[in-house]
């Protein structure tokens, strides 16, 4: 995996999953390896294992194959509804139930497409668990690193919150990089100035571009 590829992942992928840390993780408390932390860690590790497996078969699978292999893993491990709500901010409440459903569907499709596009080849990469913390608001942060033999390693911090009885990823930060504030501003601006359909078209266009690039 080249440095260009890593930067591309950080630029394109975390467009969708990076949330504002000051908003969602106001503080942490000492880690004690609780049952909740172990459960959250398992969610992250299972997701990472699926990413590696997809990368290993990436060229053979092609874009659609990678998409199909990752779709259930992403939807099972990520709270895409919550992330979509945060991306559009206060505008979420102004949307009808049907519009909210359409936005989540479009956003979910884009999220899976982003992973399928970026994680398409394998060069002996592996994830390594670094540690875990509980946040003061009942969340858990899992720290890990993607070891890249041919390039610089990438540190990943996953924030999870419980949804029902299962932990879900609501935030991913790569090497401390997050551009959600810019993207959130862009999304809300499109929604306010051009309307809901324009926003959906923008999201769908991005998904289509990933599929075409393969």
N, C-alpha and C. Protein backbone atom coordinates (compact mmCIF):
# COMPACT_ATOMS: atom_id res chain seq x y z
N UNK A 1 0.86 -1.19 0.00
CA UNK A 1 0.00 0.00 0.00
C UNK A 1 0.89 1.24 0.00
N UNK A 2 0.76 2.11 -0.99
CA UNK A 2 1.61 3.29 -1.09
C UNK A 2 1.12 4.40 -0.21
N UNK A 3 2.00 5.41 -0.01
CA UNK A 3 1.63 6.57 0.79
C UNK A 3 0.46 7.30 0.16
N UNK A 4 0.44 7.33 -1.18
CA UNK A 4 -0.67 7.99 -1.89
C UNK A 4 -1.97 7.30 -1.56
N UNK A 5 -1.93 5.95 -1.51
CA UNK A 5 -3.14 5.19 -1.20
C UNK A 5 -3.61 5.49 0.21
N UNK A 6 -2.68 5.54 1.16
CA UNK A 6 -3.04 5.83 2.55
C UNK A 6 -3.67 7.21 2.66
N UNK A 7 -3.07 8.18 1.99
CA UNK A 7 -3.62 9.54 2.04
C UNK A 7 -4.99 9.57 1.40
N UNK A 8 -5.16 8.80 0.33
CA UNK A 8 -6.45 8.75 -0.36
C UNK A 8 -7.51 8.17 0.55
N UNK A 9 -7.14 7.10 1.27
CA UNK A 9 -8.08 6.50 2.22
C UNK A 9 -8.49 7.52 3.26
N UNK A 10 -7.49 8.23 3.80
CA UNK A 10 -7.77 9.20 4.85
C UNK A 10 -8.62 10.35 4.34
N UNK A 11 -8.42 10.72 3.07
CA UNK A 11 -9.18 11.83 2.50
C UNK A 11 -10.60 11.41 2.13
N UNK A 12 -10.70 10.28 1.44
CA UNK A 12 -12.01 9.86 0.91
C UNK A 12 -12.87 9.12 1.92
N UNK A 13 -12.24 8.21 2.65
CA UNK A 13 -13.02 7.34 3.52
C UNK A 13 -13.53 8.07 4.74
N UNK A 14 -12.69 8.88 5.35
CA UNK A 14 -13.08 9.51 6.61
C UNK A 14 -13.91 10.76 6.40
N UNK A 15 -14.18 11.04 5.15
CA UNK A 15 -15.23 11.98 4.77
C UNK A 15 -16.54 11.58 5.43
N UNK A 16 -16.73 10.28 5.60
CA UNK A 16 -18.00 9.76 6.08
C UNK A 16 -18.00 9.37 7.54
N UNK A 17 -16.88 8.93 8.08
CA UNK A 17 -16.91 8.33 9.39
C UNK A 17 -16.22 9.13 10.48
N UNK A 18 -15.55 10.23 10.13
CA UNK A 18 -14.84 11.00 11.14
C UNK A 18 -15.78 12.03 11.76
N UNK A 19 -15.97 11.99 13.06
CA UNK A 19 -16.84 12.91 13.76
C UNK A 19 -16.03 13.84 14.63
N UNK A 20 -16.62 14.94 15.08
CA UNK A 20 -15.90 15.93 15.86
C UNK A 20 -15.64 15.40 17.26
N UNK A 21 -14.38 15.21 17.60
CA UNK A 21 -14.04 14.59 18.87
C UNK A 21 -14.50 15.43 20.06
N UNK A 22 -14.43 16.75 19.92
CA UNK A 22 -14.82 17.60 21.04
C UNK A 22 -16.30 17.48 21.35
N UNK A 23 -17.08 17.04 20.36
CA UNK A 23 -18.52 16.87 20.56
C UNK A 23 -18.86 15.50 21.10
N UNK A 24 -18.20 14.47 20.57
CA UNK A 24 -18.60 13.11 20.88
C UNK A 24 -17.74 12.43 21.94
N UNK A 25 -16.55 12.95 22.21
CA UNK A 25 -15.72 12.35 23.24
C UNK A 25 -15.16 13.43 24.17
N UNK A 26 -16.00 13.99 25.04
CA UNK A 26 -15.60 15.08 25.90
C UNK A 26 -14.56 14.69 26.92
N UNK A 27 -14.32 13.40 27.11
CA UNK A 27 -13.33 12.97 28.08
C UNK A 27 -13.34 11.47 28.20
N UNK A 28 -12.30 10.93 28.78
CA UNK A 28 -12.23 9.49 28.98
C UNK A 28 -11.95 9.21 30.44
N UNK A 29 -12.29 8.02 30.85
CA UNK A 29 -11.98 7.57 32.21
C UNK A 29 -11.02 6.40 32.09
N UNK A 30 -10.38 6.05 33.15
CA UNK A 30 -9.37 5.01 33.09
C UNK A 30 -9.95 3.69 32.60
N UNK A 31 -9.19 3.01 31.75
CA UNK A 31 -9.64 1.75 31.20
C UNK A 31 -9.49 0.63 32.23
N UNK A 32 -10.49 -0.24 32.32
CA UNK A 32 -10.40 -1.35 33.27
C UNK A 32 -10.72 -2.69 32.62
N UNK A 33 -10.72 -2.69 31.27
CA UNK A 33 -10.94 -3.94 30.53
C UNK A 33 -12.26 -4.59 30.93
N UNK A 34 -13.30 -3.79 31.03
CA UNK A 34 -14.62 -4.28 31.42
C UNK A 34 -15.22 -5.14 30.32
N UNK A 35 -16.32 -5.80 30.65
CA UNK A 35 -17.02 -6.64 29.66
C UNK A 35 -17.47 -5.80 28.48
N UNK A 36 -17.92 -4.56 28.74
CA UNK A 36 -18.35 -3.68 27.67
C UNK A 36 -17.19 -3.36 26.74
N UNK A 37 -16.04 -3.07 27.31
CA UNK A 37 -14.87 -2.75 26.49
C UNK A 37 -14.46 -3.95 25.63
N UNK A 38 -14.53 -5.13 26.21
CA UNK A 38 -14.17 -6.33 25.46
C UNK A 38 -15.16 -6.57 24.32
N UNK A 39 -16.44 -6.30 24.57
CA UNK A 39 -17.46 -6.48 23.54
C UNK A 39 -17.25 -5.47 22.41
N UNK A 40 -16.92 -4.24 22.78
CA UNK A 40 -16.66 -3.20 21.78
C UNK A 40 -15.42 -3.55 20.96
N UNK A 41 -14.40 -4.03 21.64
CA UNK A 41 -13.17 -4.42 20.95
C UNK A 41 -13.44 -5.54 19.94
N UNK A 42 -14.30 -6.47 20.31
CA UNK A 42 -14.62 -7.58 19.42
C UNK A 42 -15.29 -7.09 18.14
N UNK A 43 -16.17 -6.09 18.26
CA UNK A 43 -16.84 -5.52 17.09
C UNK A 43 -15.81 -4.94 16.14
N UNK A 44 -14.87 -4.19 16.68
CA UNK A 44 -13.83 -3.57 15.85
C UNK A 44 -12.95 -4.63 15.20
N UNK A 45 -12.52 -5.61 15.97
CA UNK A 45 -11.62 -6.62 15.44
C UNK A 45 -12.28 -7.47 14.35
N UNK A 46 -13.56 -7.79 14.53
CA UNK A 46 -14.27 -8.55 13.51
C UNK A 46 -14.38 -7.75 12.21
N UNK A 47 -14.63 -6.46 12.37
CA UNK A 47 -14.71 -5.58 11.19
C UNK A 47 -13.35 -5.49 10.50
N UNK A 48 -12.29 -5.31 11.27
CA UNK A 48 -10.95 -5.22 10.69
C UNK A 48 -10.55 -6.52 10.00
N UNK A 49 -10.92 -7.64 10.58
CA UNK A 49 -10.62 -8.93 9.96
C UNK A 49 -11.30 -9.05 8.59
N UNK A 50 -12.51 -8.52 8.50
CA UNK A 50 -13.24 -8.56 7.23
C UNK A 50 -12.56 -7.66 6.20
N UNK A 51 -12.05 -6.51 6.66
CA UNK A 51 -11.33 -5.62 5.76
C UNK A 51 -10.09 -6.31 5.18
N UNK A 52 -9.33 -6.96 6.05
CA UNK A 52 -8.12 -7.65 5.59
C UNK A 52 -8.47 -8.77 4.61
N UNK A 53 -9.51 -9.54 4.93
CA UNK A 53 -9.93 -10.63 4.05
C UNK A 53 -10.35 -10.10 2.68
N UNK A 54 -11.02 -8.95 2.69
CA UNK A 54 -11.44 -8.34 1.43
C UNK A 54 -10.25 -7.85 0.64
N UNK A 55 -9.29 -7.25 1.30
CA UNK A 55 -8.08 -6.80 0.63
C UNK A 55 -7.33 -7.97 0.01
N UNK A 56 -7.26 -9.07 0.72
CA UNK A 56 -6.52 -10.24 0.23
C UNK A 56 -7.12 -10.80 -1.06
N UNK A 57 -8.43 -10.70 -1.18
CA UNK A 57 -9.10 -11.20 -2.39
C UNK A 57 -9.58 -10.06 -3.27
N UNK A 58 -9.07 -8.86 -3.00
CA UNK A 58 -9.59 -7.65 -3.64
C UNK A 58 -9.60 -7.65 -5.15
N UNK A 59 -8.47 -7.99 -5.75
CA UNK A 59 -8.38 -7.94 -7.21
C UNK A 59 -9.28 -8.98 -7.86
N UNK A 60 -9.37 -10.14 -7.25
CA UNK A 60 -10.22 -11.21 -7.77
C UNK A 60 -11.70 -10.85 -7.65
N UNK A 61 -12.05 -10.24 -6.55
CA UNK A 61 -13.45 -9.91 -6.29
C UNK A 61 -13.95 -8.79 -7.20
N UNK A 62 -13.09 -7.82 -7.48
CA UNK A 62 -13.54 -6.64 -8.21
C UNK A 62 -14.38 -5.76 -7.30
N UNK A 63 -14.79 -4.61 -7.80
CA UNK A 63 -15.52 -3.66 -6.95
C UNK A 63 -16.81 -4.25 -6.41
N UNK A 64 -17.61 -4.84 -7.27
CA UNK A 64 -18.91 -5.37 -6.82
C UNK A 64 -18.74 -6.50 -5.82
N UNK A 65 -17.74 -7.32 -6.04
CA UNK A 65 -17.47 -8.41 -5.10
C UNK A 65 -17.04 -7.88 -3.75
N UNK A 66 -16.17 -6.87 -3.75
CA UNK A 66 -15.75 -6.26 -2.48
C UNK A 66 -16.93 -5.58 -1.79
N UNK A 67 -17.76 -4.94 -2.59
CA UNK A 67 -18.94 -4.28 -2.04
C UNK A 67 -19.83 -5.29 -1.32
N UNK A 68 -20.11 -6.39 -1.98
CA UNK A 68 -20.98 -7.42 -1.40
C UNK A 68 -20.37 -8.04 -0.14
N UNK A 69 -19.06 -8.22 -0.16
CA UNK A 69 -18.40 -8.83 0.99
C UNK A 69 -18.37 -7.90 2.19
N UNK A 70 -18.29 -6.59 1.93
CA UNK A 70 -18.16 -5.63 3.03
C UNK A 70 -19.50 -5.07 3.51
N UNK A 71 -20.53 -5.16 2.71
CA UNK A 71 -21.80 -4.52 3.03
C UNK A 71 -22.34 -4.94 4.39
N UNK A 72 -22.46 -6.23 4.63
CA UNK A 72 -23.03 -6.67 5.90
C UNK A 72 -22.09 -6.36 7.06
N UNK A 73 -20.78 -6.45 6.83
CA UNK A 73 -19.81 -6.17 7.89
C UNK A 73 -19.90 -4.71 8.34
N UNK A 74 -20.06 -3.81 7.40
CA UNK A 74 -20.16 -2.38 7.73
C UNK A 74 -21.49 -2.07 8.40
N UNK A 75 -22.57 -2.59 7.88
CA UNK A 75 -23.88 -2.31 8.46
C UNK A 75 -24.03 -2.93 9.84
N UNK A 76 -23.35 -4.06 10.07
CA UNK A 76 -23.42 -4.70 11.38
C UNK A 76 -22.55 -4.00 12.42
N UNK A 77 -21.49 -3.34 11.98
CA UNK A 77 -20.54 -2.75 12.92
C UNK A 77 -20.68 -1.25 13.09
N UNK A 78 -21.29 -0.57 12.12
CA UNK A 78 -21.41 0.88 12.16
C UNK A 78 -22.87 1.31 12.41
N UNK A 79 -23.03 2.38 13.16
CA UNK A 79 -24.36 2.97 13.35
C UNK A 79 -24.53 4.03 12.26
N UNK A 80 -24.88 3.59 11.07
CA UNK A 80 -24.95 4.48 9.93
C UNK A 80 -26.07 5.51 10.06
N UNK A 81 -27.12 5.16 10.76
CA UNK A 81 -28.22 6.11 10.97
C UNK A 81 -27.73 7.29 11.80
N UNK A 82 -27.04 7.00 12.88
CA UNK A 82 -26.54 8.05 13.76
C UNK A 82 -25.52 8.93 13.05
N UNK A 83 -24.63 8.29 12.28
CA UNK A 83 -23.62 9.05 11.56
C UNK A 83 -24.27 9.96 10.52
N UNK A 84 -25.28 9.44 9.81
CA UNK A 84 -25.99 10.24 8.80
C UNK A 84 -26.67 11.44 9.46
N UNK A 85 -27.23 11.22 10.63
CA UNK A 85 -27.88 12.32 11.35
C UNK A 85 -26.88 13.40 11.71
N UNK A 86 -25.70 12.99 12.14
CA UNK A 86 -24.69 13.97 12.53
C UNK A 86 -24.16 14.72 11.32
N UNK A 87 -24.05 14.03 10.19
CA UNK A 87 -23.53 14.66 8.98
C UNK A 87 -24.40 15.84 8.54
N UNK A 88 -25.72 15.72 8.67
CA UNK A 88 -26.60 16.83 8.25
C UNK A 88 -27.00 17.72 9.42
N UNK A 89 -26.57 17.36 10.63
CA UNK A 89 -26.80 18.22 11.78
C UNK A 89 -28.26 18.49 12.07
N UNK A 90 -28.55 19.73 12.38
CA UNK A 90 -29.91 20.13 12.78
C UNK A 90 -30.92 19.95 11.66
N UNK A 91 -30.43 19.90 10.43
CA UNK A 91 -31.34 19.76 9.29
C UNK A 91 -32.08 18.42 9.30
N UNK A 92 -31.54 17.46 10.05
CA UNK A 92 -32.17 16.14 10.12
C UNK A 92 -33.63 16.24 10.56
N UNK A 93 -33.89 17.07 11.53
CA UNK A 93 -35.24 17.19 12.08
C UNK A 93 -36.21 17.84 11.09
N UNK A 94 -35.66 18.51 10.09
CA UNK A 94 -36.52 19.15 9.09
C UNK A 94 -36.92 18.19 7.98
N UNK A 95 -36.31 17.01 7.96
CA UNK A 95 -36.61 16.03 6.92
C UNK A 95 -37.81 15.17 7.31
N UNK A 96 -38.56 14.76 6.31
CA UNK A 96 -39.67 13.85 6.57
C UNK A 96 -39.10 12.46 6.86
N UNK A 97 -39.94 11.57 7.36
CA UNK A 97 -39.49 10.22 7.65
C UNK A 97 -38.99 9.53 6.39
N UNK A 98 -39.69 9.76 5.28
CA UNK A 98 -39.28 9.16 4.01
C UNK A 98 -37.92 9.71 3.56
N UNK A 99 -37.72 11.00 3.72
CA UNK A 99 -36.45 11.61 3.35
C UNK A 99 -35.32 11.10 4.24
N UNK A 100 -35.58 10.94 5.52
CA UNK A 100 -34.56 10.41 6.43
C UNK A 100 -34.13 9.01 6.00
N UNK A 101 -35.11 8.20 5.61
CA UNK A 101 -34.82 6.84 5.16
C UNK A 101 -33.99 6.86 3.88
N UNK A 102 -34.35 7.72 2.96
CA UNK A 102 -33.61 7.83 1.70
C UNK A 102 -32.18 8.31 1.94
N UNK A 103 -32.03 9.26 2.86
CA UNK A 103 -30.69 9.77 3.17
C UNK A 103 -29.82 8.69 3.77
N UNK A 104 -30.36 7.93 4.70
CA UNK A 104 -29.60 6.85 5.34
C UNK A 104 -29.22 5.80 4.30
N UNK A 105 -30.15 5.47 3.40
CA UNK A 105 -29.87 4.47 2.36
C UNK A 105 -28.76 4.96 1.43
N UNK A 106 -28.84 6.22 1.00
CA UNK A 106 -27.82 6.78 0.10
C UNK A 106 -26.47 6.86 0.81
N UNK A 107 -26.50 7.28 2.05
CA UNK A 107 -25.28 7.41 2.83
C UNK A 107 -24.65 6.04 3.08
N UNK A 108 -25.48 5.05 3.36
CA UNK A 108 -24.98 3.69 3.59
C UNK A 108 -24.33 3.14 2.33
N UNK A 109 -24.98 3.36 1.19
CA UNK A 109 -24.42 2.91 -0.09
C UNK A 109 -23.08 3.57 -0.36
N UNK A 110 -22.99 4.85 -0.08
CA UNK A 110 -21.75 5.58 -0.27
C UNK A 110 -20.66 5.09 0.68
N UNK A 111 -21.04 4.79 1.92
CA UNK A 111 -20.08 4.31 2.90
C UNK A 111 -19.46 2.99 2.47
N UNK A 112 -20.30 2.05 2.05
CA UNK A 112 -19.79 0.74 1.61
C UNK A 112 -18.95 0.91 0.35
N UNK A 113 -19.41 1.77 -0.56
CA UNK A 113 -18.67 2.01 -1.81
C UNK A 113 -17.28 2.57 -1.52
N UNK A 114 -17.19 3.43 -0.52
CA UNK A 114 -15.91 4.04 -0.16
C UNK A 114 -14.92 2.99 0.32
N UNK A 115 -15.38 2.10 1.19
CA UNK A 115 -14.53 1.02 1.67
C UNK A 115 -14.14 0.09 0.51
N UNK A 116 -15.12 -0.28 -0.31
CA UNK A 116 -14.88 -1.21 -1.41
C UNK A 116 -13.86 -0.64 -2.40
N UNK A 117 -13.89 0.65 -2.58
CA UNK A 117 -12.95 1.29 -3.50
C UNK A 117 -11.54 1.36 -2.91
N UNK A 118 -11.43 1.73 -1.63
CA UNK A 118 -10.13 1.97 -1.02
C UNK A 118 -9.40 0.70 -0.58
N UNK A 119 -10.14 -0.29 -0.10
CA UNK A 119 -9.52 -1.51 0.39
C UNK A 119 -9.59 -2.59 -0.69
N UNK A 120 -8.75 -2.44 -1.72
CA UNK A 120 -8.86 -3.32 -2.87
C UNK A 120 -7.62 -4.14 -3.16
N UNK A 121 -6.55 -3.95 -2.41
CA UNK A 121 -5.36 -4.76 -2.63
C UNK A 121 -4.63 -5.00 -1.31
N UNK A 122 -3.86 -6.06 -1.28
CA UNK A 122 -3.21 -6.49 -0.03
C UNK A 122 -1.70 -6.55 -0.20
N UNK A 123 -0.99 -5.99 0.79
CA UNK A 123 0.47 -6.01 0.78
C UNK A 123 1.00 -6.31 2.18
N UNK A 124 0.46 -7.38 2.77
CA UNK A 124 0.87 -7.86 4.09
C UNK A 124 0.47 -6.91 5.23
N UNK A 125 -0.52 -6.05 5.00
CA UNK A 125 -0.99 -5.18 6.07
C UNK A 125 -1.66 -6.01 7.17
N UNK A 126 -1.61 -5.49 8.39
CA UNK A 126 -2.33 -6.13 9.48
C UNK A 126 -2.67 -5.09 10.55
N UNK A 127 -3.80 -5.31 11.21
CA UNK A 127 -4.21 -4.43 12.30
C UNK A 127 -3.66 -4.96 13.62
N UNK A 128 -3.27 -4.03 14.49
CA UNK A 128 -2.78 -4.40 15.82
C UNK A 128 -3.54 -3.59 16.87
N UNK A 129 -4.09 -4.27 17.85
CA UNK A 129 -4.81 -3.62 18.95
C UNK A 129 -3.83 -2.93 19.88
N UNK A 130 -4.14 -1.66 20.25
CA UNK A 130 -3.24 -0.89 21.12
C UNK A 130 -3.80 -0.67 22.52
N UNK A 131 -5.10 -0.53 22.62
CA UNK A 131 -5.68 -0.27 23.94
C UNK A 131 -7.12 0.18 23.81
N UNK A 132 -7.74 0.47 24.96
CA UNK A 132 -9.15 0.87 24.97
C UNK A 132 -9.41 1.81 26.14
N UNK A 133 -10.42 2.63 25.98
CA UNK A 133 -10.81 3.58 27.02
C UNK A 133 -12.32 3.72 27.05
N UNK A 134 -12.83 4.05 28.22
CA UNK A 134 -14.25 4.40 28.33
C UNK A 134 -14.36 5.91 28.32
N UNK A 135 -15.38 6.44 27.65
CA UNK A 135 -15.60 7.88 27.65
C UNK A 135 -16.52 8.24 28.81
N UNK A 136 -16.54 9.52 29.13
CA UNK A 136 -17.38 9.97 30.24
C UNK A 136 -18.86 9.94 29.89
N UNK A 137 -19.19 9.69 28.61
CA UNK A 137 -20.59 9.63 28.19
C UNK A 137 -21.02 8.22 27.85
N UNK A 138 -20.32 7.26 28.39
CA UNK A 138 -20.75 5.88 28.21
C UNK A 138 -20.29 5.20 26.95
N UNK A 139 -19.38 5.82 26.22
CA UNK A 139 -18.86 5.20 25.02
C UNK A 139 -17.55 4.48 25.29
N UNK A 140 -17.02 3.85 24.27
CA UNK A 140 -15.73 3.17 24.36
C UNK A 140 -14.90 3.56 23.14
N UNK A 141 -13.63 3.85 23.36
CA UNK A 141 -12.70 4.13 22.27
C UNK A 141 -11.71 2.99 22.16
N UNK A 142 -11.61 2.41 20.98
CA UNK A 142 -10.66 1.33 20.72
C UNK A 142 -9.51 1.90 19.89
N UNK A 143 -8.30 1.76 20.41
CA UNK A 143 -7.11 2.26 19.71
C UNK A 143 -6.42 1.11 18.99
N UNK A 144 -6.11 1.30 17.73
CA UNK A 144 -5.40 0.27 16.98
C UNK A 144 -4.53 0.94 15.92
N UNK A 145 -3.72 0.13 15.25
CA UNK A 145 -2.85 0.66 14.21
C UNK A 145 -2.84 -0.31 13.04
N UNK A 146 -2.84 0.23 11.84
CA UNK A 146 -2.70 -0.60 10.65
C UNK A 146 -1.22 -0.63 10.30
N UNK A 147 -0.60 -1.78 10.44
CA UNK A 147 0.81 -1.94 10.13
C UNK A 147 0.98 -2.18 8.63
N UNK A 148 1.76 -1.31 7.99
CA UNK A 148 1.95 -1.37 6.54
C UNK A 148 3.44 -1.58 6.27
N UNK A 149 3.84 -2.79 5.92
CA UNK A 149 5.27 -3.09 5.73
C UNK A 149 5.99 -2.16 4.77
N UNK A 150 5.31 -1.73 3.72
CA UNK A 150 5.95 -0.93 2.69
C UNK A 150 5.73 0.57 2.85
N UNK A 151 5.14 0.97 3.97
CA UNK A 151 4.81 2.39 4.14
C UNK A 151 4.66 2.71 5.61
N UNK A 152 4.27 3.96 5.90
CA UNK A 152 4.07 4.37 7.28
C UNK A 152 2.79 3.75 7.83
N UNK A 153 2.84 3.38 9.10
CA UNK A 153 1.66 2.82 9.76
C UNK A 153 0.60 3.90 9.93
N UNK A 154 -0.66 3.48 10.06
CA UNK A 154 -1.77 4.42 10.25
C UNK A 154 -2.48 4.08 11.55
N UNK A 155 -2.57 5.05 12.44
CA UNK A 155 -3.25 4.84 13.72
C UNK A 155 -4.74 5.10 13.57
N UNK A 156 -5.55 4.17 14.06
CA UNK A 156 -7.00 4.29 14.00
C UNK A 156 -7.58 4.34 15.41
N UNK A 157 -8.47 5.28 15.63
CA UNK A 157 -9.21 5.36 16.89
C UNK A 157 -10.69 5.21 16.56
N UNK A 158 -11.30 4.16 17.10
CA UNK A 158 -12.72 3.88 16.85
C UNK A 158 -13.52 4.25 18.09
N UNK A 159 -14.53 5.08 17.92
CA UNK A 159 -15.44 5.36 19.02
C UNK A 159 -16.72 4.57 18.82
N UNK A 160 -17.16 3.90 19.86
CA UNK A 160 -18.37 3.10 19.80
C UNK A 160 -19.34 3.51 20.89
N UNK A 161 -20.62 3.42 20.56
CA UNK A 161 -21.70 3.64 21.53
C UNK A 161 -22.64 2.44 21.44
N UNK A 162 -23.31 2.17 22.54
CA UNK A 162 -24.22 1.04 22.56
C UNK A 162 -25.55 1.43 21.92
N UNK A 163 -26.01 0.56 21.03
CA UNK A 163 -27.32 0.72 20.40
C UNK A 163 -28.11 -0.53 20.73
N UNK A 164 -29.03 -0.40 21.65
CA UNK A 164 -29.71 -1.58 22.15
C UNK A 164 -28.73 -2.36 23.00
N UNK A 165 -28.52 -3.62 22.64
CA UNK A 165 -27.58 -4.44 23.41
C UNK A 165 -26.28 -4.69 22.64
N UNK A 166 -26.05 -3.91 21.56
CA UNK A 166 -24.87 -4.13 20.74
C UNK A 166 -24.07 -2.84 20.56
N UNK A 167 -22.75 -2.96 20.59
CA UNK A 167 -21.88 -1.81 20.37
C UNK A 167 -21.78 -1.53 18.87
N UNK A 168 -21.78 -0.22 18.54
CA UNK A 168 -21.69 0.19 17.15
C UNK A 168 -20.64 1.29 16.99
N UNK A 169 -19.92 1.25 15.90
CA UNK A 169 -18.94 2.29 15.60
C UNK A 169 -19.66 3.55 15.14
N UNK A 170 -19.35 4.68 15.76
CA UNK A 170 -19.95 5.95 15.34
C UNK A 170 -18.89 6.95 14.90
N UNK A 171 -17.62 6.59 15.02
CA UNK A 171 -16.57 7.54 14.72
C UNK A 171 -15.27 6.80 14.44
N UNK A 172 -14.57 7.22 13.39
CA UNK A 172 -13.25 6.67 13.10
C UNK A 172 -12.32 7.83 12.79
N UNK A 173 -11.20 7.87 13.48
CA UNK A 173 -10.19 8.90 13.24
C UNK A 173 -8.90 8.21 12.81
N UNK A 174 -8.30 8.67 11.71
CA UNK A 174 -7.04 8.09 11.21
C UNK A 174 -5.92 9.10 11.41
N UNK A 175 -4.94 8.72 12.22
CA UNK A 175 -3.81 9.61 12.52
C UNK A 175 -4.28 10.99 12.96
N UNK A 176 -5.39 11.03 13.68
CA UNK A 176 -5.91 12.29 14.19
C UNK A 176 -6.57 13.17 13.16
N UNK A 177 -6.75 12.66 11.95
CA UNK A 177 -7.30 13.47 10.85
C UNK A 177 -8.82 13.37 10.79
N UNK A 178 -9.48 14.51 10.71
CA UNK A 178 -10.93 14.54 10.56
C UNK A 178 -11.32 15.77 9.76
N UNK A 179 -12.08 15.56 8.70
CA UNK A 179 -12.56 16.71 7.93
C UNK A 179 -14.08 16.77 7.92
N UNK A 180 -14.71 16.16 8.93
CA UNK A 180 -16.17 16.14 8.97
C UNK A 180 -16.75 17.55 9.06
N UNK A 181 -16.07 18.42 9.79
CA UNK A 181 -16.61 19.78 9.95
C UNK A 181 -16.80 20.43 8.59
N UNK A 182 -15.82 20.25 7.69
CA UNK A 182 -15.93 20.80 6.34
C UNK A 182 -17.04 20.12 5.56
N UNK A 183 -17.06 18.79 5.62
CA UNK A 183 -18.06 18.05 4.86
C UNK A 183 -19.46 18.29 5.41
N UNK A 184 -19.57 18.38 6.74
CA UNK A 184 -20.87 18.65 7.34
C UNK A 184 -21.38 20.00 6.88
N UNK A 185 -20.48 20.98 6.83
CA UNK A 185 -20.86 22.30 6.34
C UNK A 185 -21.31 22.23 4.89
N UNK A 186 -20.59 21.42 4.10
CA UNK A 186 -20.93 21.26 2.69
C UNK A 186 -22.30 20.62 2.52
N UNK A 187 -22.56 19.55 3.28
CA UNK A 187 -23.83 18.85 3.18
C UNK A 187 -25.00 19.73 3.60
N UNK A 188 -24.85 20.40 4.72
CA UNK A 188 -25.95 21.25 5.20
C UNK A 188 -26.17 22.43 4.27
N UNK A 189 -25.08 22.91 3.66
CA UNK A 189 -25.20 24.01 2.71
C UNK A 189 -26.00 23.58 1.49
N UNK A 190 -25.70 22.40 0.96
CA UNK A 190 -26.44 21.87 -0.19
C UNK A 190 -27.90 21.69 0.18
N UNK A 191 -28.13 21.16 1.37
CA UNK A 191 -29.49 20.89 1.82
C UNK A 191 -30.30 22.19 1.94
N UNK A 192 -29.68 23.22 2.49
CA UNK A 192 -30.37 24.49 2.70
C UNK A 192 -30.57 25.27 1.40
N UNK A 193 -29.54 25.29 0.56
CA UNK A 193 -29.58 26.15 -0.62
C UNK A 193 -30.17 25.47 -1.85
N UNK A 194 -29.93 24.17 -1.99
CA UNK A 194 -30.37 23.48 -3.19
C UNK A 194 -31.47 22.46 -2.94
N UNK A 195 -31.63 22.05 -1.70
CA UNK A 195 -32.70 21.14 -1.38
C UNK A 195 -32.26 19.70 -1.21
N UNK A 196 -33.19 18.90 -0.75
CA UNK A 196 -32.91 17.51 -0.41
C UNK A 196 -32.49 16.68 -1.63
N UNK A 197 -33.19 16.85 -2.75
CA UNK A 197 -32.88 16.04 -3.93
C UNK A 197 -31.46 16.31 -4.43
N UNK A 198 -31.01 17.55 -4.32
CA UNK A 198 -29.65 17.89 -4.74
C UNK A 198 -28.63 17.18 -3.87
N UNK A 199 -28.92 17.07 -2.59
CA UNK A 199 -28.01 16.38 -1.68
C UNK A 199 -27.93 14.89 -2.02
N UNK A 200 -29.08 14.29 -2.25
CA UNK A 200 -29.10 12.87 -2.62
C UNK A 200 -28.35 12.65 -3.92
N UNK A 201 -28.54 13.54 -4.89
CA UNK A 201 -27.84 13.43 -6.17
C UNK A 201 -26.33 13.51 -5.97
N UNK A 202 -25.90 14.39 -5.07
CA UNK A 202 -24.47 14.56 -4.79
C UNK A 202 -23.89 13.28 -4.19
N UNK A 203 -24.60 12.71 -3.23
CA UNK A 203 -24.13 11.47 -2.59
C UNK A 203 -24.12 10.32 -3.58
N UNK A 204 -25.20 10.19 -4.36
CA UNK A 204 -25.28 9.10 -5.34
C UNK A 204 -24.20 9.22 -6.41
N UNK A 205 -23.89 10.46 -6.79
CA UNK A 205 -22.86 10.69 -7.80
C UNK A 205 -21.50 10.24 -7.30
N UNK A 206 -21.23 10.48 -6.03
CA UNK A 206 -19.95 10.06 -5.45
C UNK A 206 -19.87 8.53 -5.40
N UNK A 207 -20.97 7.88 -5.02
CA UNK A 207 -21.00 6.42 -4.99
C UNK A 207 -20.74 5.85 -6.37
N UNK A 208 -21.37 6.44 -7.38
CA UNK A 208 -21.22 5.97 -8.76
C UNK A 208 -19.78 6.13 -9.23
N UNK A 209 -19.14 7.22 -8.83
CA UNK A 209 -17.75 7.45 -9.24
C UNK A 209 -16.81 6.38 -8.71
N UNK A 210 -17.05 5.90 -7.49
CA UNK A 210 -16.22 4.85 -6.91
C UNK A 210 -16.39 3.54 -7.70
N UNK A 211 -17.64 3.24 -8.04
CA UNK A 211 -17.91 2.00 -8.79
C UNK A 211 -17.26 2.06 -10.17
N UNK A 212 -17.29 3.21 -10.81
CA UNK A 212 -16.72 3.36 -12.15
C UNK A 212 -15.21 3.28 -12.13
N UNK A 213 -14.59 3.78 -11.04
CA UNK A 213 -13.14 3.73 -10.93
C UNK A 213 -12.65 2.32 -10.62
N UNK A 214 -13.55 1.56 -9.96
CA UNK A 214 -13.26 0.19 -9.57
C UNK A 214 -12.07 0.14 -8.61
